[in-house]
């Protein structure tokens, strides 16, 4: 279990916290308003965590394969819509 400490106290005791992590093998969680903010872990712990998770997988779209025309809604004006966005403005009295 990790040792929790408020951020204001952690500022004043940073050197001691580092020693607890490095030499005592502890993990320290710095909190703000009682919620976890950051954690201090040893470099060895960090290395193990990075090995377990592996490289981060980011999904990106590299190309657009096809573009289709938007179908007009029933009763809508025949004006083409840009970017396939199907929206229409209705006045305050329309339901």
N, C-alpha and C. Protein backbone atom coordinates (compact mmCIF):
# COMPACT_ATOMS: atom_id res chain seq x y z
N UNK A 1 0.84 -1.17 0.00
CA UNK A 1 0.00 0.00 0.00
C UNK A 1 0.89 1.24 0.00
N UNK A 2 0.46 2.28 -0.67
CA UNK A 2 1.25 3.50 -0.82
C UNK A 2 0.99 4.46 0.33
N UNK A 3 2.00 5.25 0.62
CA UNK A 3 1.91 6.31 1.61
C UNK A 3 1.30 7.52 0.94
N UNK A 4 0.24 8.10 1.51
CA UNK A 4 -0.41 9.27 0.92
C UNK A 4 -0.03 10.53 1.68
N UNK A 5 0.16 11.62 0.93
CA UNK A 5 0.56 12.88 1.54
C UNK A 5 -0.02 14.03 0.72
N UNK A 6 -0.54 15.07 1.37
CA UNK A 6 -1.06 16.22 0.63
C UNK A 6 0.06 16.95 -0.11
N UNK A 7 -0.27 17.58 -1.22
CA UNK A 7 0.72 18.25 -2.05
C UNK A 7 1.45 19.35 -1.29
N UNK A 8 0.76 20.07 -0.43
CA UNK A 8 1.42 21.15 0.33
C UNK A 8 2.49 20.59 1.26
N UNK A 9 2.22 19.47 1.87
CA UNK A 9 3.19 18.83 2.76
C UNK A 9 4.31 18.19 1.95
N UNK A 10 3.97 17.64 0.78
CA UNK A 10 4.98 17.00 -0.07
C UNK A 10 6.03 18.00 -0.55
N UNK A 11 5.61 19.23 -0.81
CA UNK A 11 6.57 20.27 -1.22
C UNK A 11 7.63 20.47 -0.14
N UNK A 12 7.19 20.53 1.09
CA UNK A 12 8.11 20.78 2.20
C UNK A 12 9.00 19.58 2.51
N UNK A 13 8.54 18.38 2.17
CA UNK A 13 9.26 17.16 2.53
C UNK A 13 9.77 16.38 1.33
N UNK A 14 10.01 17.04 0.20
CA UNK A 14 10.37 16.34 -1.02
C UNK A 14 11.62 15.47 -0.86
N UNK A 15 12.66 16.00 -0.26
CA UNK A 15 13.90 15.22 -0.09
C UNK A 15 13.64 13.96 0.73
N UNK A 16 12.88 14.08 1.80
CA UNK A 16 12.57 12.92 2.63
C UNK A 16 11.73 11.90 1.86
N UNK A 17 10.77 12.38 1.07
CA UNK A 17 9.93 11.48 0.28
C UNK A 17 10.75 10.71 -0.75
N UNK A 18 11.69 11.40 -1.37
CA UNK A 18 12.56 10.73 -2.35
C UNK A 18 13.35 9.63 -1.67
N UNK A 19 13.88 9.91 -0.49
CA UNK A 19 14.63 8.89 0.25
C UNK A 19 13.75 7.70 0.62
N UNK A 20 12.51 7.96 1.01
CA UNK A 20 11.59 6.86 1.34
C UNK A 20 11.34 5.97 0.13
N UNK A 21 11.23 6.59 -1.04
CA UNK A 21 10.97 5.83 -2.27
C UNK A 21 12.21 5.05 -2.69
N UNK A 22 13.35 5.72 -2.73
CA UNK A 22 14.59 5.09 -3.23
C UNK A 22 15.13 4.06 -2.26
N UNK A 23 15.26 4.42 -1.00
CA UNK A 23 15.92 3.53 -0.04
C UNK A 23 14.95 2.67 0.76
N UNK A 24 13.73 3.13 0.94
CA UNK A 24 12.75 2.37 1.72
C UNK A 24 11.85 1.51 0.87
N UNK A 25 11.92 1.69 -0.46
CA UNK A 25 11.09 0.88 -1.35
C UNK A 25 9.61 1.24 -1.29
N UNK A 26 9.29 2.39 -0.72
CA UNK A 26 7.89 2.80 -0.61
C UNK A 26 7.40 3.46 -1.89
N UNK A 27 6.11 3.51 -2.03
CA UNK A 27 5.48 4.29 -3.09
C UNK A 27 4.70 5.39 -2.40
N UNK A 28 4.80 6.60 -2.92
CA UNK A 28 4.17 7.76 -2.30
C UNK A 28 3.15 8.34 -3.27
N UNK A 29 1.93 8.54 -2.80
CA UNK A 29 0.88 9.16 -3.60
C UNK A 29 0.65 10.56 -3.05
N UNK A 30 0.81 11.55 -3.92
CA UNK A 30 0.59 12.94 -3.54
C UNK A 30 -0.85 13.27 -3.89
N UNK A 31 -1.56 13.84 -2.92
CA UNK A 31 -2.99 14.12 -3.10
C UNK A 31 -3.26 15.61 -3.08
N UNK A 32 -4.37 15.98 -3.70
CA UNK A 32 -4.88 17.35 -3.62
C UNK A 32 -6.37 17.22 -3.32
N UNK A 33 -6.79 17.84 -2.25
CA UNK A 33 -8.19 17.75 -1.79
C UNK A 33 -8.62 16.30 -1.59
N UNK A 34 -7.70 15.47 -1.13
CA UNK A 34 -8.00 14.07 -0.84
C UNK A 34 -8.01 13.15 -2.04
N UNK A 35 -7.75 13.69 -3.24
CA UNK A 35 -7.77 12.86 -4.45
C UNK A 35 -6.34 12.66 -4.96
N UNK A 36 -5.99 11.45 -5.40
CA UNK A 36 -4.64 11.19 -5.91
C UNK A 36 -4.30 12.11 -7.07
N UNK A 37 -3.10 12.66 -7.02
CA UNK A 37 -2.65 13.60 -8.05
C UNK A 37 -1.50 13.00 -8.84
N UNK A 38 -0.45 12.59 -8.15
CA UNK A 38 0.71 11.96 -8.77
C UNK A 38 1.24 10.91 -7.81
N UNK A 39 2.12 10.06 -8.33
CA UNK A 39 2.76 9.05 -7.49
C UNK A 39 4.27 9.12 -7.68
N UNK A 40 4.97 8.93 -6.58
CA UNK A 40 6.43 8.82 -6.63
C UNK A 40 6.77 7.35 -6.52
N UNK A 41 7.45 6.84 -7.52
CA UNK A 41 7.89 5.45 -7.51
C UNK A 41 9.36 5.42 -7.89
N UNK A 42 10.04 4.34 -7.53
CA UNK A 42 11.45 4.23 -7.87
C UNK A 42 11.61 4.05 -9.38
N UNK A 43 12.80 4.33 -9.86
CA UNK A 43 13.09 4.15 -11.28
C UNK A 43 12.92 2.69 -11.69
N UNK A 44 13.26 1.76 -10.78
CA UNK A 44 13.10 0.33 -11.07
C UNK A 44 11.61 -0.02 -11.22
N UNK A 45 10.75 0.54 -10.34
CA UNK A 45 9.31 0.31 -10.45
C UNK A 45 8.77 0.86 -11.76
N UNK A 46 9.23 2.05 -12.13
CA UNK A 46 8.79 2.67 -13.38
C UNK A 46 9.18 1.81 -14.57
N UNK A 47 10.39 1.30 -14.55
CA UNK A 47 10.86 0.45 -15.65
C UNK A 47 9.99 -0.80 -15.77
N UNK A 48 9.67 -1.41 -14.62
CA UNK A 48 8.81 -2.60 -14.64
C UNK A 48 7.42 -2.27 -15.18
N UNK A 49 6.87 -1.14 -14.77
CA UNK A 49 5.55 -0.73 -15.26
C UNK A 49 5.57 -0.51 -16.76
N UNK A 50 6.61 0.12 -17.27
CA UNK A 50 6.70 0.36 -18.70
C UNK A 50 6.85 -0.93 -19.48
N UNK A 51 7.57 -1.90 -18.94
CA UNK A 51 7.72 -3.20 -19.60
C UNK A 51 6.39 -3.94 -19.66
N UNK A 52 5.61 -3.86 -18.58
CA UNK A 52 4.32 -4.55 -18.52
C UNK A 52 3.32 -3.97 -19.51
N UNK A 53 3.29 -2.66 -19.62
CA UNK A 53 2.29 -2.04 -20.49
C UNK A 53 2.72 -2.04 -21.93
N UNK A 54 4.01 -2.09 -22.21
CA UNK A 54 4.49 -2.07 -23.58
C UNK A 54 4.31 -0.71 -24.19
N UNK A 55 4.63 -0.59 -25.47
CA UNK A 55 4.47 0.72 -26.12
C UNK A 55 3.00 1.09 -26.21
N UNK A 56 2.74 2.36 -26.05
CA UNK A 56 1.35 2.80 -26.12
C UNK A 56 0.85 2.68 -27.56
N UNK A 57 -0.35 2.17 -27.67
CA UNK A 57 -0.95 1.99 -28.99
C UNK A 57 -1.89 3.14 -29.26
N UNK A 58 -1.52 3.97 -30.20
CA UNK A 58 -2.37 5.09 -30.57
C UNK A 58 -3.04 4.77 -31.89
N UNK A 59 -4.32 5.01 -31.93
CA UNK A 59 -5.05 4.78 -33.17
C UNK A 59 -5.14 6.09 -33.93
N UNK A 60 -4.72 6.05 -35.18
CA UNK A 60 -4.82 7.23 -36.01
C UNK A 60 -5.42 6.85 -37.35
N UNK A 61 -6.07 7.80 -37.96
CA UNK A 61 -6.61 7.60 -39.28
C UNK A 61 -5.61 8.19 -40.25
N UNK A 62 -5.09 7.34 -41.13
CA UNK A 62 -4.07 7.83 -42.04
C UNK A 62 -4.65 8.27 -43.38
N UNK A 63 -5.74 7.65 -43.81
CA UNK A 63 -6.34 8.03 -45.09
C UNK A 63 -7.86 7.90 -45.00
N UNK A 64 -8.53 8.59 -45.88
CA UNK A 64 -9.97 8.44 -46.02
C UNK A 64 -10.17 7.60 -47.28
N UNK A 65 -10.85 6.47 -47.15
CA UNK A 65 -10.98 5.57 -48.28
C UNK A 65 -12.13 5.92 -49.20
N UNK A 66 -13.21 6.48 -48.66
CA UNK A 66 -14.31 6.84 -49.53
C UNK A 66 -15.14 7.94 -48.87
N UNK A 67 -15.79 8.71 -49.71
CA UNK A 67 -16.67 9.76 -49.23
C UNK A 67 -18.02 9.54 -49.88
N UNK A 68 -19.05 9.44 -49.07
CA UNK A 68 -20.39 9.23 -49.60
C UNK A 68 -21.22 10.47 -49.42
N UNK A 69 -22.18 10.65 -50.29
CA UNK A 69 -23.08 11.80 -50.19
C UNK A 69 -24.11 11.55 -49.10
N UNK A 70 -24.45 12.57 -48.37
CA UNK A 70 -25.47 12.46 -47.34
C UNK A 70 -26.83 12.38 -48.00
N UNK A 71 -27.69 11.55 -47.47
CA UNK A 71 -29.05 11.41 -48.00
C UNK A 71 -29.93 12.47 -47.36
N UNK A 72 -30.69 13.23 -48.17
CA UNK A 72 -31.55 14.27 -47.59
C UNK A 72 -32.66 13.63 -46.76
N UNK A 73 -33.02 14.29 -45.68
CA UNK A 73 -34.10 13.82 -44.82
C UNK A 73 -35.43 14.02 -45.54
N UNK A 74 -36.42 13.22 -45.18
CA UNK A 74 -37.73 13.32 -45.82
C UNK A 74 -38.30 14.71 -45.57
N UNK A 75 -38.72 15.38 -46.62
CA UNK A 75 -39.32 16.70 -46.50
C UNK A 75 -38.30 17.83 -46.40
N UNK A 76 -37.03 17.52 -46.43
CA UNK A 76 -36.00 18.56 -46.31
C UNK A 76 -35.77 19.20 -47.67
N UNK A 77 -35.23 20.38 -47.66
CA UNK A 77 -34.91 21.08 -48.91
C UNK A 77 -33.88 20.28 -49.69
N UNK A 78 -33.87 20.45 -51.00
CA UNK A 78 -32.96 19.67 -51.83
C UNK A 78 -31.56 20.28 -51.88
N UNK A 79 -31.28 21.25 -51.07
CA UNK A 79 -29.97 21.87 -51.02
C UNK A 79 -28.95 20.86 -50.48
N UNK A 80 -27.81 20.70 -51.15
CA UNK A 80 -26.83 19.73 -50.66
C UNK A 80 -26.24 20.17 -49.31
N UNK A 81 -25.96 19.20 -48.48
CA UNK A 81 -25.38 19.47 -47.17
C UNK A 81 -23.87 19.34 -47.26
N UNK A 82 -23.17 20.18 -46.57
CA UNK A 82 -21.72 20.14 -46.57
C UNK A 82 -21.21 19.13 -45.55
N UNK A 83 -20.19 18.42 -45.91
CA UNK A 83 -19.48 17.49 -45.03
C UNK A 83 -20.38 16.37 -44.50
N UNK A 84 -21.48 16.11 -45.12
CA UNK A 84 -22.34 15.02 -44.69
C UNK A 84 -23.03 15.24 -43.36
N UNK A 85 -23.11 16.48 -42.93
CA UNK A 85 -23.75 16.78 -41.65
C UNK A 85 -25.24 16.97 -41.90
N UNK A 86 -26.05 16.16 -41.25
CA UNK A 86 -27.48 16.23 -41.45
C UNK A 86 -28.11 16.96 -40.27
N UNK A 87 -28.32 18.25 -40.43
CA UNK A 87 -28.93 19.05 -39.37
C UNK A 87 -29.79 20.12 -40.02
N UNK A 88 -30.80 20.53 -39.34
CA UNK A 88 -31.63 21.59 -39.85
C UNK A 88 -32.06 22.47 -38.68
N UNK A 89 -32.25 23.74 -38.98
CA UNK A 89 -32.69 24.67 -37.94
C UNK A 89 -34.20 24.67 -37.87
N UNK A 90 -34.72 24.59 -36.69
CA UNK A 90 -36.15 24.67 -36.49
C UNK A 90 -36.42 25.84 -35.56
N UNK A 91 -37.43 26.61 -35.89
CA UNK A 91 -37.79 27.76 -35.07
C UNK A 91 -38.33 27.33 -33.71
N UNK A 92 -38.54 28.26 -32.80
CA UNK A 92 -39.02 27.93 -31.46
C UNK A 92 -40.43 27.31 -31.45
N UNK A 93 -41.24 27.57 -32.51
CA UNK A 93 -42.59 27.02 -32.56
C UNK A 93 -42.66 25.63 -33.17
N UNK A 94 -41.59 25.19 -33.84
CA UNK A 94 -41.59 23.88 -34.53
C UNK A 94 -41.45 22.75 -33.53
N UNK A 95 -42.20 21.68 -33.77
CA UNK A 95 -42.10 20.49 -32.90
C UNK A 95 -42.00 19.26 -33.71
